[in-house]
PDB file of all heavy atoms in Angstrom:
ATOM      1  N   GLU A   1       0.807  -1.224   0.000  1.00  0.00           N
ATOM      2  CA  GLU A   1       0.000   0.000   0.000  1.00  0.00           C
ATOM      3  C   GLU A   1       0.841   1.275   0.000  1.00  0.00           C
ATOM      4  O   GLU A   1       0.298   2.388   0.065  1.00  0.00           O
ATOM      5  CB  GLU A   1      -0.913   0.018   1.226  1.00  0.00           C
ATOM      6  CG  GLU A   1      -1.890  -1.133   1.305  1.00  0.00           C
ATOM      7  CD  GLU A   1      -2.734  -1.047   2.571  1.00  0.00           C
ATOM      8  OE1 GLU A   1      -3.483  -0.054   2.714  1.00  0.00           O
ATOM      9  OE2 GLU A   1      -2.631  -1.947   3.410  1.00  0.00           O
ATOM     10  N   VAL A   2       2.180   1.141  -0.085  1.00  0.00           N
ATOM     11  CA  VAL A   2       3.067   2.299   0.065  1.00  0.00           C
ATOM     12  C   VAL A   2       2.713   3.425  -0.896  1.00  0.00           C
ATOM     13  O   VAL A   2       2.629   4.601  -0.510  1.00  0.00           O
ATOM     14  CB  VAL A   2       4.542   1.875  -0.129  1.00  0.00           C
ATOM     15  CG1 VAL A   2       5.421   3.093  -0.337  1.00  0.00           C
ATOM     16  CG2 VAL A   2       5.048   1.104   1.076  1.00  0.00           C
ATOM     17  N   GLU A   3       2.504   3.109  -2.154  1.00  0.00           N
ATOM     18  CA  GLU A   3       2.304   4.161  -3.162  1.00  0.00           C
ATOM     19  C   GLU A   3       1.057   4.989  -2.905  1.00  0.00           C
ATOM     20  O   GLU A   3       0.971   6.138  -3.338  1.00  0.00           O
ATOM     21  CB  GLU A   3       2.272   3.532  -4.558  1.00  0.00           C
ATOM     22  CG  GLU A   3       3.615   2.923  -4.947  1.00  0.00           C
ATOM     23  CD  GLU A   3       3.677   2.545  -6.417  1.00  0.00           C
ATOM     24  OE1 GLU A   3       2.864   3.087  -7.188  1.00  0.00           O
ATOM     25  OE2 GLU A   3       4.531   1.714  -6.763  1.00  0.00           O
ATOM     26  N   LYS A   4       0.089   4.440  -2.170  1.00  0.00           N
ATOM     27  CA  LYS A   4      -1.122   5.191  -1.829  1.00  0.00           C
ATOM     28  C   LYS A   4      -0.829   6.346  -0.876  1.00  0.00           C
ATOM     29  O   LYS A   4      -1.653   7.246  -0.714  1.00  0.00           O
ATOM     30  CB  LYS A   4      -2.161   4.260  -1.190  1.00  0.00           C
ATOM     31  CG  LYS A   4      -2.646   3.143  -2.096  1.00  0.00           C
ATOM     32  CD  LYS A   4      -3.624   2.241  -1.357  1.00  0.00           C
ATOM     33  CE  LYS A   4      -4.072   1.066  -2.228  1.00  0.00           C
ATOM     34  NZ  LYS A   4      -4.986   0.152  -1.482  1.00  0.00           N
ATOM     35  N   TRP A   5       0.355   6.320  -0.237  1.00  0.00           N
ATOM     36  CA  TRP A   5       0.710   7.329   0.747  1.00  0.00           C
ATOM     37  C   TRP A   5       1.539   8.463   0.154  1.00  0.00           C
ATOM     38  O   TRP A   5       2.006   9.341   0.881  1.00  0.00           O
ATOM     39  CB  TRP A   5       1.445   6.677   1.911  1.00  0.00           C
ATOM     40  CG  TRP A   5       0.509   5.919   2.804  1.00  0.00           C
ATOM     41  CD1 TRP A   5      -0.037   4.689   2.562  1.00  0.00           C
ATOM     42  CD2 TRP A   5      -0.015   6.355   4.056  1.00  0.00           C
ATOM     43  NE1 TRP A   5      -0.863   4.322   3.597  1.00  0.00           N
ATOM     44  CE2 TRP A   5      -0.870   5.327   4.530  1.00  0.00           C
ATOM     45  CE3 TRP A   5       0.155   7.510   4.829  1.00  0.00           C
ATOM     46  CZ2 TRP A   5      -1.548   5.433   5.750  1.00  0.00           C
ATOM     47  CZ3 TRP A   5      -0.520   7.600   6.042  1.00  0.00           C
ATOM     48  CH2 TRP A   5      -1.368   6.578   6.489  1.00  0.00           C
ATOM     49  N   LYS A   6       1.725   8.470  -1.141  1.00  0.00           N
ATOM     50  CA  LYS A   6       2.442   9.571  -1.778  1.00  0.00           C
ATOM     51  C   LYS A   6       1.721  10.878  -1.486  1.00  0.00           C
ATOM     52  O   LYS A   6       0.505  10.984  -1.665  1.00  0.00           O
ATOM     53  CB  LYS A   6       2.538   9.343  -3.288  1.00  0.00           C
ATOM     54  CG  LYS A   6       3.347  10.406  -4.008  1.00  0.00           C
ATOM     55  CD  LYS A   6       3.531  10.072  -5.482  1.00  0.00           C
ATOM     56  CE  LYS A   6       4.398  11.119  -6.172  1.00  0.00           C
ATOM     57  NZ  LYS A   6       4.618  10.796  -7.610  1.00  0.00           N
ATOM     58  N   GLY A   7       2.463  11.881  -1.017  1.00  0.00           N
ATOM     59  CA  GLY A   7       1.865  13.146  -0.642  1.00  0.00           C
ATOM     60  C   GLY A   7       1.397  13.208   0.793  1.00  0.00           C
ATOM     61  O   GLY A   7       1.076  14.281   1.306  1.00  0.00           O
ATOM     62  N   LYS A   8       1.367  12.053   1.482  1.00  0.00           N
ATOM     63  CA  LYS A   8       0.919  12.014   2.880  1.00  0.00           C
ATOM     64  C   LYS A   8       2.091  11.787   3.838  1.00  0.00           C
ATOM     65  O   LYS A   8       1.911  11.822   5.054  1.00  0.00           O
ATOM     66  CB  LYS A   8      -0.111  10.898   3.079  1.00  0.00           C
ATOM     67  CG  LYS A   8      -1.349  11.021   2.208  1.00  0.00           C
ATOM     68  CD  LYS A   8      -2.255   9.819   2.419  1.00  0.00           C
ATOM     69  CE  LYS A   8      -3.449   9.840   1.469  1.00  0.00           C
ATOM     70  NZ  LYS A   8      -4.291   8.636   1.636  1.00  0.00           N
ATOM     71  N   ILE A   9       3.268  11.512   3.287  1.00  0.00           N
ATOM     72  CA  ILE A   9       4.466  11.283   4.087  1.00  0.00           C
ATOM     73  C   ILE A   9       5.566  12.201   3.567  1.00  0.00           C
ATOM     74  O   ILE A   9       5.806  12.265   2.361  1.00  0.00           O
ATOM     75  CB  ILE A   9       4.894   9.805   4.017  1.00  0.00           C
ATOM     76  CG1 ILE A   9       3.944   8.951   4.860  1.00  0.00           C
ATOM     77  CG2 ILE A   9       6.335   9.610   4.484  1.00  0.00           C
ATOM     78  CD1 ILE A   9       4.172   7.475   4.739  1.00  0.00           C
ATOM     79  N   ASP A  10       6.224  12.912   4.473  1.00  0.00           N
ATOM     80  CA  ASP A  10       7.292  13.829   4.074  1.00  0.00           C
ATOM     81  C   ASP A  10       8.632  13.126   3.920  1.00  0.00           C
ATOM     82  O   ASP A  10       9.407  13.452   3.026  1.00  0.00           O
ATOM     83  CB  ASP A  10       7.424  14.958   5.098  1.00  0.00           C
ATOM     84  CG  ASP A  10       6.171  15.815   5.166  1.00  0.00           C
ATOM     85  OD1 ASP A  10       5.699  16.264   4.104  1.00  0.00           O
ATOM     86  OD2 ASP A  10       5.651  16.030   6.280  1.00  0.00           O
ATOM     87  N   VAL A  11       8.922  12.169   4.808  1.00  0.00           N
ATOM     88  CA  VAL A  11      10.166  11.405   4.729  1.00  0.00           C
ATOM     89  C   VAL A  11       9.870   9.959   5.107  1.00  0.00           C
ATOM     90  O   VAL A  11       9.283   9.696   6.161  1.00  0.00           O
ATOM     91  CB  VAL A  11      11.265  11.952   5.678  1.00  0.00           C
ATOM     92  CG1 VAL A  11      12.574  11.187   5.471  1.00  0.00           C
ATOM     93  CG2 VAL A  11      11.484  13.443   5.475  1.00  0.00           C
ATOM     94  N   MET A  12      10.300   9.044   4.250  1.00  0.00           N
ATOM     95  CA  MET A  12      10.180   7.620   4.543  1.00  0.00           C
ATOM     96  C   MET A  12      11.531   7.116   5.050  1.00  0.00           C
ATOM     97  O   MET A  12      12.549   7.243   4.366  1.00  0.00           O
ATOM     98  CB  MET A  12       9.782   6.840   3.284  1.00  0.00           C
ATOM     99  CG  MET A  12       9.571   5.342   3.532  1.00  0.00           C
ATOM    100  SD  MET A  12       8.062   4.996   4.453  1.00  0.00           S
ATOM    101  CE  MET A  12       6.835   5.167   3.134  1.00  0.00           C
ATOM    102  N   ILE A  13      11.540   6.556   6.265  1.00  0.00           N
ATOM    103  CA  ILE A  13      12.751   6.006   6.841  1.00  0.00           C
ATOM    104  C   ILE A  13      12.772   4.512   6.578  1.00  0.00           C
ATOM    105  O   ILE A  13      11.854   3.785   6.987  1.00  0.00           O
ATOM    106  CB  ILE A  13      12.845   6.315   8.345  1.00  0.00           C
ATOM    107  CG1 ILE A  13      12.905   7.831   8.558  1.00  0.00           C
ATOM    108  CG2 ILE A  13      14.057   5.635   8.961  1.00  0.00           C
ATOM    109  CD1 ILE A  13      12.962   8.266  10.018  1.00  0.00           C
ATOM    110  N   LEU A  14      13.804   4.056   5.862  1.00  0.00           N
ATOM    111  CA  LEU A  14      13.886   2.673   5.408  1.00  0.00           C
ATOM    112  C   LEU A  14      14.709   1.856   6.396  1.00  0.00           C
ATOM    113  O   LEU A  14      15.894   2.139   6.610  1.00  0.00           O
ATOM    114  CB  LEU A  14      14.508   2.617   4.014  1.00  0.00           C
ATOM    115  CG  LEU A  14      13.810   3.500   2.970  1.00  0.00           C
ATOM    116  CD1 LEU A  14      14.566   3.475   1.649  1.00  0.00           C
ATOM    117  CD2 LEU A  14      12.363   3.066   2.768  1.00  0.00           C
ATOM    118  N   CYS A  15      14.101   0.850   6.993  1.00  0.00           N
ATOM    119  CA  CYS A  15      14.720   0.109   8.094  1.00  0.00           C
ATOM    120  C   CYS A  15      15.039  -1.332   7.711  1.00  0.00           C
ATOM    121  O   CYS A  15      15.127  -2.211   8.581  1.00  0.00           O
ATOM    122  CB  CYS A  15      13.810   0.145   9.316  1.00  0.00           C
ATOM    123  SG  CYS A  15      13.527   1.817   9.937  1.00  0.00           S
ATOM    124  N   GLY A  16      15.240  -1.598   6.429  1.00  0.00           N
ATOM    125  CA  GLY A  16      15.614  -2.934   5.981  1.00  0.00           C
ATOM    126  C   GLY A  16      17.104  -3.181   6.119  1.00  0.00           C
ATOM    127  O   GLY A  16      17.867  -2.315   6.557  1.00  0.00           O
ATOM    128  N   GLY A  17      17.515  -4.390   5.726  1.00  0.00           N
ATOM    129  CA  GLY A  17      18.911  -4.776   5.817  1.00  0.00           C
ATOM    130  C   GLY A  17      19.710  -4.342   4.606  1.00  0.00           C
ATOM    131  O   GLY A  17      19.167  -4.135   3.510  1.00  0.00           O
ATOM    132  N   SER A  18      21.026  -4.215   4.805  1.00  0.00           N
ATOM    133  CA  SER A  18      21.900  -3.732   3.736  1.00  0.00           C
ATOM    134  C   SER A  18      22.207  -4.794   2.686  1.00  0.00           C
ATOM    135  O   SER A  18      22.555  -4.463   1.554  1.00  0.00           O
ATOM    136  CB  SER A  18      23.217  -3.222   4.334  1.00  0.00           C
ATOM    137  OG  SER A  18      22.982  -2.105   5.151  1.00  0.00           O
ATOM    138  N   ALA A  19      22.099  -6.058   3.057  1.00  0.00           N
ATOM    139  CA  ALA A  19      22.500  -7.119   2.132  1.00  0.00           C
ATOM    140  C   ALA A  19      21.590  -7.193   0.913  1.00  0.00           C
ATOM    141  O   ALA A  19      22.056  -7.168  -0.232  1.00  0.00           O
ATOM    142  CB  ALA A  19      22.532  -8.459   2.859  1.00  0.00           C
ATOM    143  N   THR A  20      20.280  -7.251   1.153  1.00  0.00           N
ATOM    144  CA  THR A  20      19.352  -7.444   0.031  1.00  0.00           C
ATOM    145  C   THR A  20      18.230  -6.411  -0.023  1.00  0.00           C
ATOM    146  O   THR A  20      17.729  -6.097  -1.103  1.00  0.00           O
ATOM    147  CB  THR A  20      18.720  -8.848   0.091  1.00  0.00           C
ATOM    148  OG1 THR A  20      18.071  -9.021   1.360  1.00  0.00           O
ATOM    149  CG2 THR A  20      19.789  -9.931  -0.068  1.00  0.00           C
ATOM    150  N   ASP A  21      17.821  -5.845   1.124  1.00  0.00           N
ATOM    151  CA  ASP A  21      16.670  -4.935   1.142  1.00  0.00           C
ATOM    152  C   ASP A  21      16.986  -3.561   0.560  1.00  0.00           C
ATOM    153  O   ASP A  21      16.365  -3.118  -0.408  1.00  0.00           O
ATOM    154  CB  ASP A  21      16.150  -4.760   2.575  1.00  0.00           C
ATOM    155  CG  ASP A  21      15.544  -6.025   3.153  1.00  0.00           C
ATOM    156  OD1 ASP A  21      15.058  -6.849   2.363  1.00  0.00           O
ATOM    157  OD2 ASP A  21      15.567  -6.179   4.383  1.00  0.00           O
ATOM    158  N   LEU A  22      17.940  -2.874   1.161  1.00  0.00           N
ATOM    159  CA  LEU A  22      18.165  -1.463   0.820  1.00  0.00           C
ATOM    160  C   LEU A  22      18.662  -1.228  -0.603  1.00  0.00           C
ATOM    161  O   LEU A  22      18.271  -0.224  -1.216  1.00  0.00           O
ATOM    162  CB  LEU A  22      19.108  -0.821   1.840  1.00  0.00           C
ATOM    163  CG  LEU A  22      18.568  -0.784   3.279  1.00  0.00           C
ATOM    164  CD1 LEU A  22      19.598  -0.171   4.223  1.00  0.00           C
ATOM    165  CD2 LEU A  22      17.256  -0.004   3.353  1.00  0.00           C
ATOM    166  N   PRO A  23      19.518  -2.109  -1.174  1.00  0.00           N
ATOM    167  CA  PRO A  23      19.917  -1.860  -2.560  1.00  0.00           C
ATOM    168  C   PRO A  23      18.737  -1.758  -3.515  1.00  0.00           C
ATOM    169  O   PRO A  23      18.806  -1.061  -4.529  1.00  0.00           O
ATOM    170  CB  PRO A  23      20.799  -3.062  -2.889  1.00  0.00           C
ATOM    171  CG  PRO A  23      21.369  -3.476  -1.573  1.00  0.00           C
ATOM    172  CD  PRO A  23      20.244  -3.254  -0.590  1.00  0.00           C
ATOM    173  N   GLU A  24      17.640  -2.453  -3.209  1.00  0.00           N
ATOM    174  CA  GLU A  24      16.438  -2.376  -4.045  1.00  0.00           C
ATOM    175  C   GLU A  24      15.469  -1.306  -3.535  1.00  0.00           C
ATOM    176  O   GLU A  24      14.918  -0.535  -4.313  1.00  0.00           O
ATOM    177  CB  GLU A  24      15.730  -3.736  -4.072  1.00  0.00           C
ATOM    178  CG  GLU A  24      16.512  -4.825  -4.785  1.00  0.00           C
ATOM    179  CD  GLU A  24      15.715  -6.112  -4.903  1.00  0.00           C
ATOM    180  OE1 GLU A  24      14.505  -6.101  -4.564  1.00  0.00           O
ATOM    181  OE2 GLU A  24      16.286  -7.120  -5.330  1.00  0.00           O
ATOM    182  N   GLN A  25      15.277  -1.264  -2.218  1.00  0.00           N
ATOM    183  CA  GLN A  25      14.235  -0.404  -1.656  1.00  0.00           C
ATOM    184  C   GLN A  25      14.559   1.085  -1.770  1.00  0.00           C
ATOM    185  O   GLN A  25      13.676   1.891  -2.098  1.00  0.00           O
ATOM    186  CB  GLN A  25      14.019  -0.761  -0.182  1.00  0.00           C
ATOM    187  CG  GLN A  25      13.350  -2.100   0.040  1.00  0.00           C
ATOM    188  CD  GLN A  25      13.226  -2.436   1.518  1.00  0.00           C
ATOM    189  OE1 GLN A  25      13.771  -1.742   2.384  1.00  0.00           O
ATOM    190  NE2 GLN A  25      12.518  -3.511   1.815  1.00  0.00           N
ATOM    191  N   THR A  26      15.806   1.475  -1.484  1.00  0.00           N
ATOM    192  CA  THR A  26      16.089   2.910  -1.436  1.00  0.00           C
ATOM    193  C   THR A  26      15.900   3.583  -2.794  1.00  0.00           C
ATOM    194  O   THR A  26      15.213   4.610  -2.886  1.00  0.00           O
ATOM    195  CB  THR A  26      17.489   3.172  -0.860  1.00  0.00           C
ATOM    196  OG1 THR A  26      17.653   2.433   0.358  1.00  0.00           O
ATOM    197  CG2 THR A  26      17.685   4.651  -0.557  1.00  0.00           C
ATOM    198  N   PRO A  27      16.471   3.044  -3.889  1.00  0.00           N
ATOM    199  CA  PRO A  27      16.176   3.672  -5.188  1.00  0.00           C
ATOM    200  C   PRO A  27      14.687   3.631  -5.535  1.00  0.00           C
ATOM    201  O   PRO A  27      14.145   4.609  -6.077  1.00  0.00           O
ATOM    202  CB  PRO A  27      16.996   2.836  -6.177  1.00  0.00           C
ATOM    203  CG  PRO A  27      18.046   2.162  -5.360  1.00  0.00           C
ATOM    204  CD  PRO A  27      17.424   1.923  -4.026  1.00  0.00           C
ATOM    205  N   LYS A  28      14.030   2.518  -5.216  1.00  0.00           N
ATOM    206  CA  LYS A  28      12.607   2.383  -5.546  1.00  0.00           C
ATOM    207  C   LYS A  28      11.772   3.454  -4.846  1.00  0.00           C
ATOM    208  O   LYS A  28      10.973   4.165  -5.480  1.00  0.00           O
ATOM    209  CB  LYS A  28      12.105   0.991  -5.150  1.00  0.00           C
ATOM    210  CG  LYS A  28      10.615   0.781  -5.375  1.00  0.00           C
ATOM    211  CD  LYS A  28      10.189  -0.619  -4.972  1.00  0.00           C
ATOM    212  CE  LYS A  28       8.684  -0.818  -5.151  1.00  0.00           C
ATOM    213  NZ  LYS A  28       8.270  -2.192  -4.761  1.00  0.00           N
ATOM    214  N   TYR A  29      11.958   3.588  -3.535  1.00  0.00           N
ATOM    215  CA  TYR A  29      11.106   4.509  -2.781  1.00  0.00           C
ATOM    216  C   TYR A  29      11.568   5.952  -2.881  1.00  0.00           C
ATOM    217  O   TYR A  29      10.781   6.866  -2.619  1.00  0.00           O
ATOM    218  CB  TYR A  29      10.969   4.029  -1.340  1.00  0.00           C
ATOM    219  CG  TYR A  29      10.230   2.710  -1.277  1.00  0.00           C
ATOM    220  CD1 TYR A  29      10.867   1.548  -0.865  1.00  0.00           C
ATOM    221  CD2 TYR A  29       8.907   2.622  -1.697  1.00  0.00           C
ATOM    222  CE1 TYR A  29      10.205   0.333  -0.854  1.00  0.00           C
ATOM    223  CE2 TYR A  29       8.228   1.421  -1.696  1.00  0.00           C
ATOM    224  CZ  TYR A  29       8.884   0.270  -1.276  1.00  0.00           C
ATOM    225  OH  TYR A  29       8.220  -0.926  -1.281  1.00  0.00           O
ATOM    226  N   ALA A  30      12.815   6.178  -3.299  1.00  0.00           N
ATOM    227  CA  ALA A  30      13.248   7.544  -3.604  1.00  0.00           C
ATOM    228  C   ALA A  30      12.505   8.087  -4.815  1.00  0.00           C
ATOM    229  O   ALA A  30      12.478   9.293  -5.049  1.00  0.00           O
ATOM    230  CB  ALA A  30      14.757   7.589  -3.850  1.00  0.00           C
ATOM    231  N   GLY A  31      11.905   7.190  -5.593  1.00  0.00           N
ATOM    232  CA  GLY A  31      11.077   7.604  -6.711  1.00  0.00           C
ATOM    233  C   GLY A  31       9.704   8.090  -6.294  1.00  0.00           C
ATOM    234  O   GLY A  31       8.929   8.594  -7.125  1.00  0.00           O
ATOM    235  N   ILE A  32       9.393   7.973  -4.978  1.00  0.00           N
ATOM    236  CA  ILE A  32       8.071   8.366  -4.474  1.00  0.00           C
ATOM    237  C   ILE A  32       8.176   9.385  -3.343  1.00  0.00           C
ATOM    238  O   ILE A  32       7.410  10.346  -3.278  1.00  0.00           O
ATOM    239  CB  ILE A  32       7.299   7.123  -3.958  1.00  0.00           C
ATOM    240  CG1 ILE A  32       7.271   6.022  -5.013  1.00  0.00           C
ATOM    241  CG2 ILE A  32       5.883   7.510  -3.539  1.00  0.00           C
ATOM    242  CD1 ILE A  32       6.723   4.699  -4.516  1.00  0.00           C
ATOM    243  N   PHE A  33       9.139   9.160  -2.432  1.00  0.00           N
ATOM    244  CA  PHE A  33       9.264   9.971  -1.215  1.00  0.00           C
ATOM    245  C   PHE A  33      10.694  10.486  -1.055  1.00  0.00           C
ATOM    246  O   PHE A  33      11.619   9.969  -1.669  1.00  0.00           O
ATOM    247  CB  PHE A  33       8.956   9.126   0.034  1.00  0.00           C
ATOM    248  CG  PHE A  33       7.679   8.357   0.001  1.00  0.00           C
ATOM    249  CD1 PHE A  33       7.670   7.000  -0.310  1.00  0.00           C
ATOM    250  CD2 PHE A  33       6.476   8.975   0.324  1.00  0.00           C
ATOM    251  CE1 PHE A  33       6.491   6.275  -0.320  1.00  0.00           C
ATOM    252  CE2 PHE A  33       5.291   8.254   0.320  1.00  0.00           C
ATOM    253  CZ  PHE A  33       5.292   6.897  -0.008  1.00  0.00           C
ATOM    254  N   ASN A  34      10.868  11.463  -0.172  1.00  0.00           N
ATOM    255  CA  ASN A  34      12.186  11.713   0.400  1.00  0.00           C
ATOM    256  C   ASN A  34      12.502  10.520   1.307  1.00  0.00           C
ATOM    257  O   ASN A  34      11.618  10.053   2.042  1.00  0.00           O
ATOM    258  CB  ASN A  34      12.194  12.995   1.231  1.00  0.00           C
ATOM    259  CG  ASN A  34      11.808  14.206   0.418  1.00  0.00           C
ATOM    260  OD1 ASN A  34      12.337  14.444  -0.665  1.00  0.00           O
ATOM    261  ND2 ASN A  34      10.870  14.998   0.933  1.00  0.00           N
ATOM    262  N   VAL A  35      13.736  10.009   1.262  1.00  0.00           N
ATOM    263  CA  VAL A  35      14.059   8.794   2.008  1.00  0.00           C
ATOM    264  C   VAL A  35      15.375   8.953   2.765  1.00  0.00           C
ATOM    265  O   VAL A  35      16.235   9.755   2.394  1.00  0.00           O
ATOM    266  CB  VAL A  35      14.156   7.553   1.083  1.00  0.00           C
ATOM    267  CG1 VAL A  35      12.821   7.244   0.436  1.00  0.00           C
ATOM    268  CG2 VAL A  35      15.254   7.729   0.029  1.00  0.00           C
ATOM    269  N   VAL A  36      15.514   8.158   3.830  1.00  0.00           N
ATOM    270  CA  VAL A  36      16.770   8.032   4.563  1.00  0.00           C
ATOM    271  C   VAL A  36      16.982   6.552   4.834  1.00  0.00           C
ATOM    272  O   VAL A  36      16.036   5.840   5.196  1.00  0.00           O
ATOM    273  CB  VAL A  36      16.755   8.806   5.898  1.00  0.00           C
ATOM    274  CG1 VAL A  36      18.125   8.726   6.584  1.00  0.00           C
ATOM    275  CG2 VAL A  36      16.353  10.253   5.697  1.00  0.00           C
ATOM    276  N   ASP A  37      18.236   6.070   4.658  1.00  0.00           N
ATOM    277  CA  ASP A  37      18.527   4.675   4.999  1.00  0.00           C
ATOM    278  C   ASP A  37      19.815   4.568   5.799  1.00  0.00           C
ATOM    279  O   ASP A  37      20.520   5.557   6.019  1.00  0.00           O
ATOM    280  CB  ASP A  37      18.549   3.774   3.749  1.00  0.00           C
ATOM    281  CG  ASP A  37      19.827   3.855   2.914  1.00  0.00           C
ATOM    282  OD1 ASP A  37      20.856   4.357   3.398  1.00  0.00           O
ATOM    283  OD2 ASP A  37      19.802   3.397   1.753  1.00  0.00           O
ATOM    284  N   SER A  38      20.114   3.331   6.254  1.00  0.00           N
ATOM    285  CA  SER A  38      21.320   3.073   7.056  1.00  0.00           C
ATOM    286  C   SER A  38      22.221   2.071   6.346  1.00  0.00           C
ATOM    287  O   SER A  38      22.868   1.247   7.006  1.00  0.00           O
ATOM    288  CB  SER A  38      20.928   2.547   8.442  1.00  0.00           C
ATOM    289  OG  SER A  38      20.207   1.328   8.328  1.00  0.00           O
ATOM    290  N   PHE A  39      22.278   2.133   5.027  1.00  0.00           N
ATOM    291  CA  PHE A  39      23.085   1.195   4.236  1.00  0.00           C
ATOM    292  C   PHE A  39      24.525   1.198   4.745  1.00  0.00           C
ATOM    293  O   PHE A  39      25.188   2.241   4.783  1.00  0.00           O
ATOM    294  CB  PHE A  39      23.037   1.602   2.768  1.00  0.00           C
ATOM    295  CG  PHE A  39      23.747   0.647   1.844  1.00  0.00           C
ATOM    296  CD1 PHE A  39      23.158  -0.541   1.487  1.00  0.00           C
ATOM    297  CD2 PHE A  39      25.001   0.948   1.340  1.00  0.00           C
ATOM    298  CE1 PHE A  39      23.804  -1.435   0.630  1.00  0.00           C
ATOM    299  CE2 PHE A  39      25.656   0.075   0.492  1.00  0.00           C
ATOM    300  CZ  PHE A  39      25.052  -1.121   0.128  1.00  0.00           C
ATOM    301  N   ASP A  40      25.037   0.015   5.151  1.00  0.00           N
ATOM    302  CA  ASP A  40      26.345  -0.004   5.808  1.00  0.00           C
ATOM    303  C   ASP A  40      27.351  -0.966   5.177  1.00  0.00           C
ATOM    304  O   ASP A  40      28.355  -1.314   5.817  1.00  0.00           O
ATOM    305  CB  ASP A  40      26.195  -0.309   7.300  1.00  0.00           C
ATOM    306  CG  ASP A  40      25.648  -1.708   7.575  1.00  0.00           C
ATOM    307  OD1 ASP A  40      25.351  -2.447   6.608  1.00  0.00           O
ATOM    308  OD2 ASP A  40      25.525  -2.065   8.768  1.00  0.00           O
TER     309      ASP A  40
END
């Protein structure tokens, strides 16, 4: 349901793992929201 929240969230904080989650999630959701991640 994430895309339904476009315009309702100012910053999405991405709390997935660096191995497999964030390499896909951060570019994807940066296309919808301002984002912050902890890619390490």
